[in-house]
Amino acid sequence: MSYKGYIGSIEVCEEENCLYGKVLALPHDTMITYEGETVEELRNDFHGVVDDYIAMCEAEGIEPRKSYSGTLNVRISPEAHSKIAMLSKQAGISINAFIRNAVDRQIAAML
């Protein structure tokens, strides 16, 4: 889910028969969660907690942090760029998909 530049997860709790989630990619000291019994209730609660977070930041005079967009620029050497282009073509995928897969594998290896 997304709202006002914030991205939220959607999880299911079978034990409590509800949906829940959290606003993603905020600083580690900021946890914003929400829940609902239906998708509509979940969405409404998500919107409400985001609005509350923005209002709290404004009241305290601080800049609200937003979720990461998932887009970033990475500078690499022309040689690495060439090798990535060649390998991605051989794999039949785009350069973006190749890099995304490599990053995902690295993250999984570190967790």
PDB file of N, CA and C in Angstrom:
ATOM      1  N   MET A   1       0.843  -1.176   0.000  1.00  0.00           N
ATOM      2  CA  MET A   1       0.000   0.000   0.000  1.00  0.00           C
ATOM      3  C   MET A   1       0.884   1.233   0.000  1.00  0.00           C
ATOM      4  N   SER A   2       0.378   2.293  -0.584  1.00  0.00           N
ATOM      5  CA  SER A   2       1.112   3.553  -0.512  1.00  0.00           C
ATOM      6  C   SER A   2       0.133   4.698  -0.286  1.00  0.00           C
ATOM      7  N   TYR A   3       0.654   5.736   0.401  1.00  0.00           N
ATOM      8  CA  TYR A   3      -0.161   6.899   0.741  1.00  0.00           C
ATOM      9  C   TYR A   3       0.787   8.037   1.089  1.00  0.00           C
ATOM     10  N   LYS A   4       0.623   9.164   0.388  1.00  0.00           N
ATOM     11  CA  LYS A   4       1.419  10.368   0.630  1.00  0.00           C
ATOM     12  C   LYS A   4       2.927  10.098   0.634  1.00  0.00           C
ATOM     13  N   GLY A   5       3.373   9.178  -0.218  1.00  0.00           N
ATOM     14  CA  GLY A   5       4.791   8.874  -0.307  1.00  0.00           C
ATOM     15  C   GLY A   5       5.279   7.840   0.687  1.00  0.00           C
ATOM     16  N   TYR A   6       4.387   7.286   1.488  1.00  0.00           N
ATOM     17  CA  TYR A   6       4.741   6.259   2.465  1.00  0.00           C
ATOM     18  C   TYR A   6       4.287   4.905   1.933  1.00  0.00           C
ATOM     19  N   ILE A   7       5.068   3.882   2.215  1.00  0.00           N
ATOM     20  CA  ILE A   7       4.765   2.527   1.751  1.00  0.00           C
ATOM     21  C   ILE A   7       4.485   1.666   2.969  1.00  0.00           C
ATOM     22  N   GLY A   8       3.421   0.889   2.894  1.00  0.00           N
ATOM     23  CA  GLY A   8       3.038   0.042   4.023  1.00  0.00           C
ATOM     24  C   GLY A   8       2.943  -1.417   3.639  1.00  0.00           C
ATOM     25  N   SER A   9       3.289  -2.281   4.584  1.00  0.00           N
ATOM     26  CA  SER A   9       3.192  -3.725   4.365  1.00  0.00           C
ATOM     27  C   SER A   9       1.780  -4.202   4.691  1.00  0.00           C
ATOM     28  N   ILE A  10       1.471  -5.403   4.218  1.00  0.00           N
ATOM     29  CA  ILE A  10       0.192  -6.043   4.534  1.00  0.00           C
ATOM     30  C   ILE A  10       0.504  -7.464   4.975  1.00  0.00           C
ATOM     31  N   GLU A  11       0.123  -7.790   6.198  1.00  0.00           N
ATOM     32  CA  GLU A  11       0.333  -9.124   6.757  1.00  0.00           C
ATOM     33  C   GLU A  11      -1.005  -9.667   7.243  1.00  0.00           C
ATOM     34  N   VAL A  12      -1.066 -10.982   7.433  1.00  0.00           N
ATOM     35  CA  VAL A  12      -2.276 -11.635   7.919  1.00  0.00           C
ATOM     36  C   VAL A  12      -1.960 -12.324   9.238  1.00  0.00           C
ATOM     37  N   CYS A  13      -2.810 -12.107  10.232  1.00  0.00           N
ATOM     38  CA  CYS A  13      -2.699 -12.827  11.497  1.00  0.00           C
ATOM     39  C   CYS A  13      -3.884 -13.781  11.573  1.00  0.00           C
ATOM     40  N   GLU A  14      -3.615 -15.052  11.315  1.00  0.00           N
ATOM     41  CA  GLU A  14      -4.698 -16.036  11.328  1.00  0.00           C
ATOM     42  C   GLU A  14      -5.258 -16.237  12.728  1.00  0.00           C
ATOM     43  N   GLU A  15      -4.388 -16.152  13.738  1.00  0.00           N
ATOM     44  CA  GLU A  15      -4.826 -16.368  15.125  1.00  0.00           C
ATOM     45  C   GLU A  15      -5.866 -15.340  15.548  1.00  0.00           C
ATOM     46  N   GLU A  16      -5.663 -14.080  15.162  1.00  0.00           N
ATOM     47  CA  GLU A  16      -6.590 -13.016  15.555  1.00  0.00           C
ATOM     48  C   GLU A  16      -7.546 -12.638  14.435  1.00  0.00           C
ATOM     49  N   ASN A  17      -7.451 -13.323  13.301  1.00  0.00           N
ATOM     50  CA  ASN A  17      -8.328 -13.096  12.161  1.00  0.00           C
ATOM     51  C   ASN A  17      -8.342 -11.616  11.760  1.00  0.00           C
ATOM     52  N   CYS A  18      -7.134 -11.060  11.569  1.00  0.00           N
ATOM     53  CA  CYS A  18      -7.061  -9.658  11.175  1.00  0.00           C
ATOM     54  C   CYS A  18      -5.881  -9.436  10.229  1.00  0.00           C
ATOM     55  N   LEU A  19      -5.862  -8.264   9.662  1.00  0.00           N
ATOM     56  CA  LEU A  19      -4.764  -7.818   8.821  1.00  0.00           C
ATOM     57  C   LEU A  19      -3.981  -6.774   9.599  1.00  0.00           C
ATOM     58  N   TYR A  20      -2.689  -6.705   9.359  1.00  0.00           N
ATOM     59  CA  TYR A  20      -1.879  -5.695  10.023  1.00  0.00           C
ATOM     60  C   TYR A  20      -0.695  -5.349   9.133  1.00  0.00           C
ATOM     61  N   GLY A  21      -0.012  -4.287   9.479  1.00  0.00           N
ATOM     62  CA  GLY A  21       1.156  -3.900   8.710  1.00  0.00           C
ATOM     63  C   GLY A  21       1.931  -2.820   9.413  1.00  0.00           C
ATOM     64  N   LYS A  22       3.011  -2.408   8.768  1.00  0.00           N
ATOM     65  CA  LYS A  22       3.814  -1.311   9.299  1.00  0.00           C
ATOM     66  C   LYS A  22       4.281  -0.446   8.152  1.00  0.00           C
ATOM     67  N   VAL A  23       4.537   0.816   8.459  1.00  0.00           N
ATOM     68  CA  VAL A  23       5.085   1.733   7.465  1.00  0.00           C
ATOM     69  C   VAL A  23       6.541   1.339   7.275  1.00  0.00           C
ATOM     70  N   LEU A  24       6.927   1.110   6.033  1.00  0.00           N
ATOM     71  CA  LEU A  24       8.247   0.580   5.726  1.00  0.00           C
ATOM     72  C   LEU A  24       9.297   1.664   5.548  1.00  0.00           C
ATOM     73  N   ALA A  25      10.543   1.281   5.795  1.00  0.00           N
ATOM     74  CA  ALA A  25      11.739   2.076   5.501  1.00  0.00           C
ATOM     75  C   ALA A  25      11.807   3.395   6.248  1.00  0.00           C
ATOM     76  N   LEU A  26      11.282   3.419   7.468  1.00  0.00           N
ATOM     77  CA  LEU A  26      11.443   4.583   8.318  1.00  0.00           C
ATOM     78  C   LEU A  26      12.687   4.371   9.180  1.00  0.00           C
ATOM     79  N   PRO A  27      13.184   5.425   9.829  1.00  0.00           N
ATOM     80  CA  PRO A  27      14.350   5.246  10.703  1.00  0.00           C
ATOM     81  C   PRO A  27      14.085   4.155  11.746  1.00  0.00           C
ATOM     82  N   HIS A  28      15.146   3.519  12.207  1.00  0.00           N
ATOM     83  CA  HIS A  28      15.004   2.401  13.146  1.00  0.00           C
ATOM     84  C   HIS A  28      14.296   2.772  14.442  1.00  0.00           C
ATOM     85  N   ASP A  29      14.346   4.033  14.829  1.00  0.00           N
ATOM     86  CA  ASP A  29      13.701   4.448  16.073  1.00  0.00           C
ATOM     87  C   ASP A  29      12.232   4.834  15.874  1.00  0.00           C
ATOM     88  N   THR A  30      11.719   4.659  14.665  1.00  0.00           N
ATOM     89  CA  THR A  30      10.334   5.013  14.360  1.00  0.00           C
ATOM     90  C   THR A  30       9.591   3.783  13.850  1.00  0.00           C
ATOM     91  N   MET A  31       8.599   3.324  14.611  1.00  0.00           N
ATOM     92  CA  MET A  31       7.793   2.173  14.204  1.00  0.00           C
ATOM     93  C   MET A  31       6.347   2.619  14.168  1.00  0.00           C
ATOM     94  N   ILE A  32       5.724   2.538  12.998  1.00  0.00           N
ATOM     95  CA  ILE A  32       4.329   2.911  12.836  1.00  0.00           C
ATOM     96  C   ILE A  32       3.586   1.688  12.319  1.00  0.00           C
ATOM     97  N   THR A  33       2.613   1.228  13.091  1.00  0.00           N
ATOM     98  CA  THR A  33       1.849   0.043  12.719  1.00  0.00           C
ATOM     99  C   THR A  33       0.369   0.382  12.591  1.00  0.00           C
ATOM    100  N   TYR A  34      -0.368  -0.510  11.968  1.00  0.00           N
ATOM    101  CA  TYR A  34      -1.802  -0.316  11.751  1.00  0.00           C
ATOM    102  C   TYR A  34      -2.436  -1.684  11.583  1.00  0.00           C
ATOM    103  N   GLU A  35      -3.766  -1.746  11.710  1.00  0.00           N
ATOM    104  CA  GLU A  35      -4.459  -3.023  11.543  1.00  0.00           C
ATOM    105  C   GLU A  35      -5.909  -2.807  11.154  1.00  0.00           C
ATOM    106  N   GLY A  36      -6.547  -3.882  10.744  1.00  0.00           N
ATOM    107  CA  GLY A  36      -7.956  -3.852  10.395  1.00  0.00           C
ATOM    108  C   GLY A  36      -8.461  -5.252  10.137  1.00  0.00           C
ATOM    109  N   GLU A  37      -9.751  -5.408  10.166  1.00  0.00           N
ATOM    110  CA  GLU A  37     -10.349  -6.714   9.889  1.00  0.00           C
ATOM    111  C   GLU A  37     -10.616  -6.907   8.406  1.00  0.00           C
ATOM    112  N   THR A  38     -10.696  -5.819   7.647  1.00  0.00           N
ATOM    113  CA  THR A  38     -10.899  -5.887   6.204  1.00  0.00           C
ATOM    114  C   THR A  38      -9.811  -5.046   5.537  1.00  0.00           C
ATOM    115  N   VAL A  39      -9.673  -5.191   4.240  1.00  0.00           N
ATOM    116  CA  VAL A  39      -8.700  -4.388   3.502  1.00  0.00           C
ATOM    117  C   VAL A  39      -9.049  -2.909   3.631  1.00  0.00           C
ATOM    118  N   GLU A  40     -10.322  -2.587   3.565  1.00  0.00           N
ATOM    119  CA  GLU A  40     -10.733  -1.187   3.698  1.00  0.00           C
ATOM    120  C   GLU A  40     -10.364  -0.628   5.072  1.00  0.00           C
ATOM    121  N   GLU A  41     -10.616  -1.401   6.136  1.00  0.00           N
ATOM    122  CA  GLU A  41     -10.242  -0.954   7.477  1.00  0.00           C
ATOM    123  C   GLU A  41      -8.725  -0.799   7.597  1.00  0.00           C
ATOM    124  N   LEU A  42      -7.981  -1.734   7.026  1.00  0.00           N
ATOM    125  CA  LEU A  42      -6.518  -1.662   7.058  1.00  0.00           C
ATOM    126  C   LEU A  42      -6.034  -0.404   6.349  1.00  0.00           C
ATOM    127  N   ARG A  43      -6.575  -0.153   5.171  1.00  0.00           N
ATOM    128  CA  ARG A  43      -6.196   1.036   4.400  1.00  0.00           C
ATOM    129  C   ARG A  43      -6.528   2.310   5.164  1.00  0.00           C
ATOM    130  N   ASN A  44      -7.714   2.371   5.754  1.00  0.00           N
ATOM    131  CA  ASN A  44      -8.115   3.557   6.516  1.00  0.00           C
ATOM    132  C   ASN A  44      -7.202   3.786   7.716  1.00  0.00           C
ATOM    133  N   ASP A  45      -6.842   2.711   8.420  1.00  0.00           N
ATOM    134  CA  ASP A  45      -5.960   2.847   9.574  1.00  0.00           C
ATOM    135  C   ASP A  45      -4.556   3.264   9.121  1.00  0.00           C
ATOM    136  N   PHE A  46      -4.087   2.709   8.000  1.00  0.00           N
ATOM    137  CA  PHE A  46      -2.795   3.101   7.424  1.00  0.00           C
ATOM    138  C   PHE A  46      -2.784   4.601   7.123  1.00  0.00           C
ATOM    139  N   HIS A  47      -3.816   5.082   6.451  1.00  0.00           N
ATOM    140  CA  HIS A  47      -3.912   6.509   6.134  1.00  0.00           C
ATOM    141  C   HIS A  47      -3.931   7.336   7.424  1.00  0.00           C
ATOM    142  N   GLY A  48      -4.666   6.869   8.411  1.00  0.00           N
ATOM    143  CA  GLY A  48      -4.763   7.596   9.671  1.00  0.00           C
ATOM    144  C   GLY A  48      -3.435   7.708  10.401  1.00  0.00           C
ATOM    145  N   VAL A  49      -2.668   6.593  10.459  1.00  0.00           N
ATOM    146  CA  VAL A  49      -1.394   6.661  11.181  1.00  0.00           C
ATOM    147  C   VAL A  49      -0.382   7.517  10.431  1.00  0.00           C
ATOM    148  N   VAL A  50      -0.439   7.500   9.097  1.00  0.00           N
ATOM    149  CA  VAL A  50       0.454   8.365   8.319  1.00  0.00           C
ATOM    150  C   VAL A  50       0.097   9.833   8.571  1.00  0.00           C
ATOM    151  N   ASP A  51      -1.189  10.149   8.521  1.00  0.00           N
ATOM    152  CA  ASP A  51      -1.621  11.528   8.803  1.00  0.00           C
ATOM    153  C   ASP A  51      -1.218  11.955  10.213  1.00  0.00           C
ATOM    154  N   ASP A  52      -1.375  11.051  11.195  1.00  0.00           N
ATOM    155  CA  ASP A  52      -0.982  11.361  12.573  1.00  0.00           C
ATOM    156  C   ASP A  52       0.523  11.604  12.677  1.00  0.00           C
ATOM    157  N   TYR A  53       1.311  10.780  11.995  1.00  0.00           N
ATOM    158  CA  TYR A  53       2.768  10.933  12.011  1.00  0.00           C
ATOM    159  C   TYR A  53       3.178  12.286  11.422  1.00  0.00           C
ATOM    160  N   ILE A  54       2.579  12.648  10.297  1.00  0.00           N
ATOM    161  CA  ILE A  54       2.890  13.934   9.663  1.00  0.00           C
ATOM    162  C   ILE A  54       2.495  15.086  10.582  1.00  0.00           C
ATOM    163  N   ALA A  55       1.314  14.993  11.210  1.00  0.00           N
ATOM    164  CA  ALA A  55       0.852  16.046  12.121  1.00  0.00           C
ATOM    165  C   ALA A  55       1.767  16.157  13.343  1.00  0.00           C
ATOM    166  N   MET A  56       2.209  15.015  13.883  1.00  0.00           N
ATOM    167  CA  MET A  56       3.110  15.031  15.032  1.00  0.00           C
ATOM    168  C   MET A  56       4.435  15.700  14.661  1.00  0.00           C
ATOM    169  N   CYS A  57       4.967  15.373  13.492  1.00  0.00           N
ATOM    170  CA  CYS A  57       6.225  15.978  13.042  1.00  0.00           C
ATOM    171  C   CYS A  57       6.066  17.490  12.884  1.00  0.00           C
ATOM    172  N   GLU A  58       4.958  17.909  12.292  1.00  0.00           N
ATOM    173  CA  GLU A  58       4.711  19.338  12.122  1.00  0.00           C
ATOM    174  C   GLU A  58       4.606  20.036  13.484  1.00  0.00           C
ATOM    175  N   ALA A  59       3.914  19.418  14.438  1.00  0.00           N
ATOM    176  CA  ALA A  59       3.758  20.010  15.769  1.00  0.00           C
ATOM    177  C   ALA A  59       5.096  20.137  16.486  1.00  0.00           C
ATOM    178  N   GLU A  60       6.005  19.173  16.239  1.00  0.00           N
ATOM    179  CA  GLU A  60       7.311  19.190  16.893  1.00  0.00           C
ATOM    180  C   GLU A  60       8.360  19.941  16.077  1.00  0.00           C
ATOM    181  N   GLY A  61       7.960  20.438  14.902  1.00  0.00           N
ATOM    182  CA  GLY A  61       8.879  21.194  14.068  1.00  0.00           C
ATOM    183  C   GLY A  61       9.996  20.370  13.455  1.00  0.00           C
ATOM    184  N   ILE A  62       9.712  19.086  13.197  1.00  0.00           N
ATOM    185  CA  ILE A  62      10.723  18.237  12.565  1.00  0.00           C
ATOM    186  C   ILE A  62      10.244  17.789  11.190  1.00  0.00           C
ATOM    187  N   GLU A  63      11.176  17.461  10.336  1.00  0.00           N
ATOM    188  CA  GLU A  63      10.868  17.014   8.979  1.00  0.00           C
ATOM    189  C   GLU A  63      10.438  15.546   9.018  1.00  0.00           C
ATOM    190  N   PRO A  64       9.228  15.220   8.546  1.00  0.00           N
ATOM    191  CA  PRO A  64       8.811  13.816   8.530  1.00  0.00           C
ATOM    192  C   PRO A  64       9.668  13.016   7.550  1.00  0.00           C
ATOM    193  N   ARG A  65      10.028  11.817   7.941  1.00  0.00           N
ATOM    194  CA  ARG A  65      10.786  10.930   7.067  1.00  0.00           C
ATOM    195  C   ARG A  65       9.813  10.134   6.229  1.00  0.00           C
ATOM    196  N   LYS A  66      10.175   9.879   4.994  1.00  0.00           N
ATOM    197  CA  LYS A  66       9.322   9.087   4.110  1.00  0.00           C
ATOM    198  C   LYS A  66       9.965   7.744   3.827  1.00  0.00           C
ATOM    199  N   SER A  67       9.142   6.800   3.370  1.00  0.00           N
ATOM    200  CA  SER A  67       9.648   5.511   2.946  1.00  0.00           C
ATOM    201  C   SER A  67      10.563   5.705   1.753  1.00  0.00           C
ATOM    202  N   TYR A  68      11.500   4.814   1.585  1.00  0.00           N
ATOM    203  CA  TYR A  68      12.360   4.859   0.415  1.00  0.00           C
ATOM    204  C   TYR A  68      11.544   4.532  -0.823  1.00  0.00           C
ATOM    205  N   SER A  69      11.890   5.179  -1.940  1.00  0.00           N
ATOM    206  CA  SER A  69      11.120   5.003  -3.171  1.00  0.00           C
ATOM    207  C   SER A  69      11.476   3.718  -3.898  1.00  0.00           C
ATOM    208  N   GLY A  70      12.669   3.178  -3.642  1.00  0.00           N
ATOM    209  CA  GLY A  70      13.118   2.002  -4.373  1.00  0.00           C
ATOM    210  C   GLY A  70      13.922   2.372  -5.599  1.00  0.00           C
ATOM    211  N   THR A  71      14.163   3.652  -5.792  1.00  0.00           N
ATOM    212  CA  THR A  71      14.959   4.117  -6.926  1.00  0.00           C
ATOM    213  C   THR A  71      16.208   4.784  -6.395  1.00  0.00           C
ATOM    214  N   LEU A  72      17.370   4.408  -6.938  1.00  0.00           N
ATOM    215  CA  LEU A  72      18.609   5.058  -6.562  1.00  0.00           C
ATOM    216  C   LEU A  72      19.579   5.005  -7.726  1.00  0.00           C
ATOM    217  N   ASN A  73      20.510   5.947  -7.752  1.00  0.00           N
ATOM    218  CA  ASN A  73      21.558   5.964  -8.763  1.00  0.00           C
ATOM    219  C   ASN A  73      22.824   5.379  -8.164  1.00  0.00           C
ATOM    220  N   VAL A  74      23.466   4.506  -8.902  1.00  0.00           N
ATOM    221  CA  VAL A  74      24.714   3.901  -8.453  1.00  0.00           C
ATOM    222  C   VAL A  74      25.765   4.189  -9.511  1.00  0.00           C
ATOM    223  N   ARG A  75      26.896   4.724  -9.087  1.00  0.00           N
ATOM    224  CA  ARG A  75      27.983   5.004 -10.009  1.00  0.00           C
ATOM    225  C   ARG A  75      28.991   3.854  -9.952  1.00  0.00           C
ATOM    226  N   ILE A  76      29.282   3.297 -11.117  1.00  0.00           N
ATOM    227  CA  ILE A  76      30.248   2.198 -11.220  1.00  0.00           C
ATOM    228  C   ILE A  76      31.209   2.514 -12.356  1.00  0.00           C
ATOM    229  N   SER A  77      32.259   1.746 -12.438  1.00  0.00           N
ATOM    230  CA  SER A  77      33.241   1.971 -13.501  1.00  0.00           C
ATOM    231  C   SER A  77      32.650   1.571 -14.852  1.00  0.00           C
ATOM    232  N   PRO A  78      33.139   2.170 -15.925  1.00  0.00           N
ATOM    233  CA  PRO A  78      32.679   1.763 -17.259  1.00  0.00           C
ATOM    234  C   PRO A  78      32.933   0.276 -17.536  1.00  0.00           C
ATOM    235  N   GLU A  79      34.005  -0.258 -16.985  1.00  0.00           N
ATOM    236  CA  GLU A  79      34.316  -1.676 -17.186  1.00  0.00           C
ATOM    237  C   GLU A  79      33.259  -2.561 -16.522  1.00  0.00           C
ATOM    238  N   ALA A  80      32.890  -2.215 -15.280  1.00  0.00           N
ATOM    239  CA  ALA A  80      31.859  -2.986 -14.585  1.00  0.00           C
ATOM    240  C   ALA A  80      30.519  -2.861 -15.304  1.00  0.00           C
ATOM    241  N   HIS A  81      30.214  -1.665 -15.789  1.00  0.00           N
ATOM    242  CA  HIS A  81      28.971  -1.436 -16.527  1.00  0.00           C
ATOM    243  C   HIS A  81      28.931  -2.331 -17.768  1.00  0.00           C
ATOM    244  N   SER A  82      30.039  -2.393 -18.478  1.00  0.00           N
ATOM    245  CA  SER A  82      30.130  -3.227 -19.679  1.00  0.00           C
ATOM    246  C   SER A  82      29.930  -4.699 -19.345  1.00  0.00           C
ATOM    247  N   LYS A  83      30.567  -5.165 -18.277  1.00  0.00           N
ATOM    248  CA  LYS A  83      30.434  -6.579 -17.883  1.00  0.00           C
ATOM    249  C   LYS A  83      29.001  -6.900 -17.460  1.00  0.00           C
ATOM    250  N   ILE A  84      28.377  -5.972 -16.726  1.00  0.00           N
ATOM    251  CA  ILE A  84      26.990  -6.182 -16.307  1.00  0.00           C
ATOM    252  C   ILE A  84      26.073  -6.243 -17.521  1.00  0.00           C
ATOM    253  N   ALA A  85      26.305  -5.372 -18.488  1.00  0.00           N
ATOM    254  CA  ALA A  85      25.488  -5.371 -19.710  1.00  0.00           C
ATOM    255  C   ALA A  85      25.621  -6.697 -20.441  1.00  0.00           C
ATOM    256  N   MET A  86      26.843  -7.197 -20.529  1.00  0.00           N
ATOM    257  CA  MET A  86      27.091  -8.467 -21.226  1.00  0.00           C
ATOM    258  C   MET A  86      26.425  -9.625 -20.479  1.00  0.00           C
ATOM    259  N   LEU A  87      26.611  -9.678 -19.167  1.00  0.00           N
ATOM    260  CA  LEU A  87      26.038 -10.766 -18.373  1.00  0.00           C
ATOM    261  C   LEU A  87      24.514 -10.729 -18.352  1.00  0.00           C
ATOM    262  N   SER A  88      23.950  -9.539 -18.283  1.00  0.00           N
ATOM    263  CA  SER A  88      22.488  -9.443 -18.272  1.00  0.00           C
ATOM    264  C   SER A  88      21.909  -9.864 -19.610  1.00  0.00           C
ATOM    265  N   LYS A  89      22.607  -9.518 -20.688  1.00  0.00           N
ATOM    266  CA  LYS A  89      22.142  -9.937 -22.015  1.00  0.00           C
ATOM    267  C   LYS A  89      22.198 -11.456 -22.134  1.00  0.00           C
ATOM    268  N   GLN A  90      23.281 -12.051 -21.653  1.00  0.00           N
ATOM    269  CA  GLN A  90      23.400 -13.516 -21.682  1.00  0.00           C
ATOM    270  C   GLN A  90      22.302 -14.185 -20.867  1.00  0.00           C
ATOM    271  N   ALA A  91      21.918 -13.547 -19.758  1.00  0.00           N
ATOM    272  CA  ALA A  91      20.872 -14.104 -18.894  1.00  0.00           C
ATOM    273  C   ALA A  91      19.472 -13.810 -19.431  1.00  0.00           C
ATOM    274  N   GLY A  92      19.389 -12.933 -20.444  1.00  0.00           N
ATOM    275  CA  GLY A  92      18.092 -12.598 -21.018  1.00  0.00           C
ATOM    276  C   GLY A  92      17.258 -11.691 -20.141  1.00  0.00           C
ATOM    277  N   ILE A  93      17.928 -10.871 -19.337  1.00  0.00           N
ATOM    278  CA  ILE A  93      17.217  -9.938 -18.462  1.00  0.00           C
ATOM    279  C   ILE A  93      17.800  -8.539 -18.639  1.00  0.00           C
ATOM    280  N   SER A  94      17.095  -7.553 -18.118  1.00  0.00           N
ATOM    281  CA  SER A  94      17.576  -6.175 -18.216  1.00  0.00           C
ATOM    282  C   SER A  94      18.732  -5.949 -17.244  1.00  0.00           C
ATOM    283  N   ILE A  95      19.459  -4.870 -17.470  1.00  0.00           N
ATOM    284  CA  ILE A  95      20.532  -4.502 -16.547  1.00  0.00           C
ATOM    285  C   ILE A  95      19.942  -4.245 -15.157  1.00  0.00           C
ATOM    286  N   ASN A  96      18.807  -3.555 -15.083  1.00  0.00           N
ATOM    287  CA  ASN A  96      18.171  -3.305 -13.785  1.00  0.00           C
ATOM    288  C   ASN A  96      17.833  -4.603 -13.070  1.00  0.00           C
ATOM    289  N   ALA A  97      17.273  -5.575 -13.788  1.00  0.00           N
ATOM    290  CA  ALA A  97      16.924  -6.860 -13.183  1.00  0.00           C
ATOM    291  C   ALA A  97      18.176  -7.590 -12.717  1.00  0.00           C
ATOM    292  N   PHE A  98      19.234  -7.521 -13.501  1.00  0.00           N
ATOM    293  CA  PHE A  98      20.489  -8.163 -13.137  1.00  0.00           C
ATOM    294  C   PHE A  98      21.033  -7.580 -11.830  1.00  0.00           C
ATOM    295  N   ILE A  99      21.073  -6.256 -11.751  1.00  0.00           N
ATOM    296  CA  ILE A  99      21.594  -5.587 -10.550  1.00  0.00           C
ATOM    297  C   ILE A  99      20.677  -5.849  -9.359  1.00  0.00           C
ATOM    298  N   ARG A 100      19.363  -5.793  -9.574  1.00  0.00           N
ATOM    299  CA  ARG A 100      18.407  -6.058  -8.486  1.00  0.00           C
ATOM    300  C   ARG A 100      18.615  -7.474  -7.941  1.00  0.00           C
ATOM    301  N   ASN A 101      18.799  -8.457  -8.833  1.00  0.00           N
ATOM    302  CA  ASN A 101      19.029  -9.839  -8.397  1.00  0.00           C
ATOM    303  C   ASN A 101      20.325  -9.956  -7.603  1.00  0.00           C
ATOM    304  N   ALA A 102      21.373  -9.286  -8.071  1.00  0.00           N
ATOM    305  CA  ALA A 102      22.659  -9.336  -7.376  1.00  0.00           C
ATOM    306  C   ALA A 102      22.549  -8.714  -5.979  1.00  0.00           C
ATOM    307  N   VAL A 103      21.864  -7.594  -5.884  1.00  0.00           N
ATOM    308  CA  VAL A 103      21.686  -6.934  -4.585  1.00  0.00           C
ATOM    309  C   VAL A 103      20.840  -7.817  -3.667  1.00  0.00           C
ATOM    310  N   ASP A 104      19.765  -8.391  -4.181  1.00  0.00           N
ATOM    311  CA  ASP A 104      18.917  -9.267  -3.371  1.00  0.00           C
ATOM    312  C   ASP A 104      19.709 -10.460  -2.847  1.00  0.00           C
ATOM    313  N   ARG A 105      20.557 -11.064  -3.683  1.00  0.00           N
ATOM    314  CA  ARG A 105      21.379 -12.194  -3.243  1.00  0.00           C
ATOM    315  C   ARG A 105      22.362 -11.761  -2.151  1.00  0.00           C
ATOM    316  N   GLN A 106      22.961 -10.595  -2.317  1.00  0.00           N
ATOM    317  CA  GLN A 106      23.905 -10.098  -1.319  1.00  0.00           C
ATOM    318  C   GLN A 106      23.218  -9.835   0.015  1.00  0.00           C
ATOM    319  N   ILE A 107      22.051  -9.241  -0.036  1.00  0.00           N
ATOM    320  CA  ILE A 107      21.296  -8.962   1.196  1.00  0.00           C
ATOM    321  C   ILE A 107      20.938 -10.273   1.884  1.00  0.00           C
ATOM    322  N   ALA A 108      20.452 -11.258   1.122  1.00  0.00           N
ATOM    323  CA  ALA A 108      20.077 -12.538   1.697  1.00  0.00           C
ATOM    324  C   ALA A 108      21.292 -13.227   2.334  1.00  0.00           C
ATOM    325  N   ALA A 109      22.454 -13.108   1.726  1.00  0.00           N
ATOM    326  CA  ALA A 109      23.664 -13.723   2.254  1.00  0.00           C
ATOM    327  C   ALA A 109      24.104 -13.071   3.553  1.00  0.00           C
ATOM    328  N   MET A 110      23.762 -11.801   3.739  1.00  0.00           N
ATOM    329  CA  MET A 110      24.205 -11.078   4.934  1.00  0.00           C
ATOM    330  C   MET A 110      23.221 -11.202   6.095  1.00  0.00           C
ATOM    331  N   LEU A 111      22.010 -11.643   5.819  1.00  0.00           N
ATOM    332  CA  LEU A 111      20.994 -11.747   6.894  1.00  0.00           C
ATOM    333  C   LEU A 111      21.038 -13.081   7.578  1.00  0.00           C
TER     334      LEU A 111
END
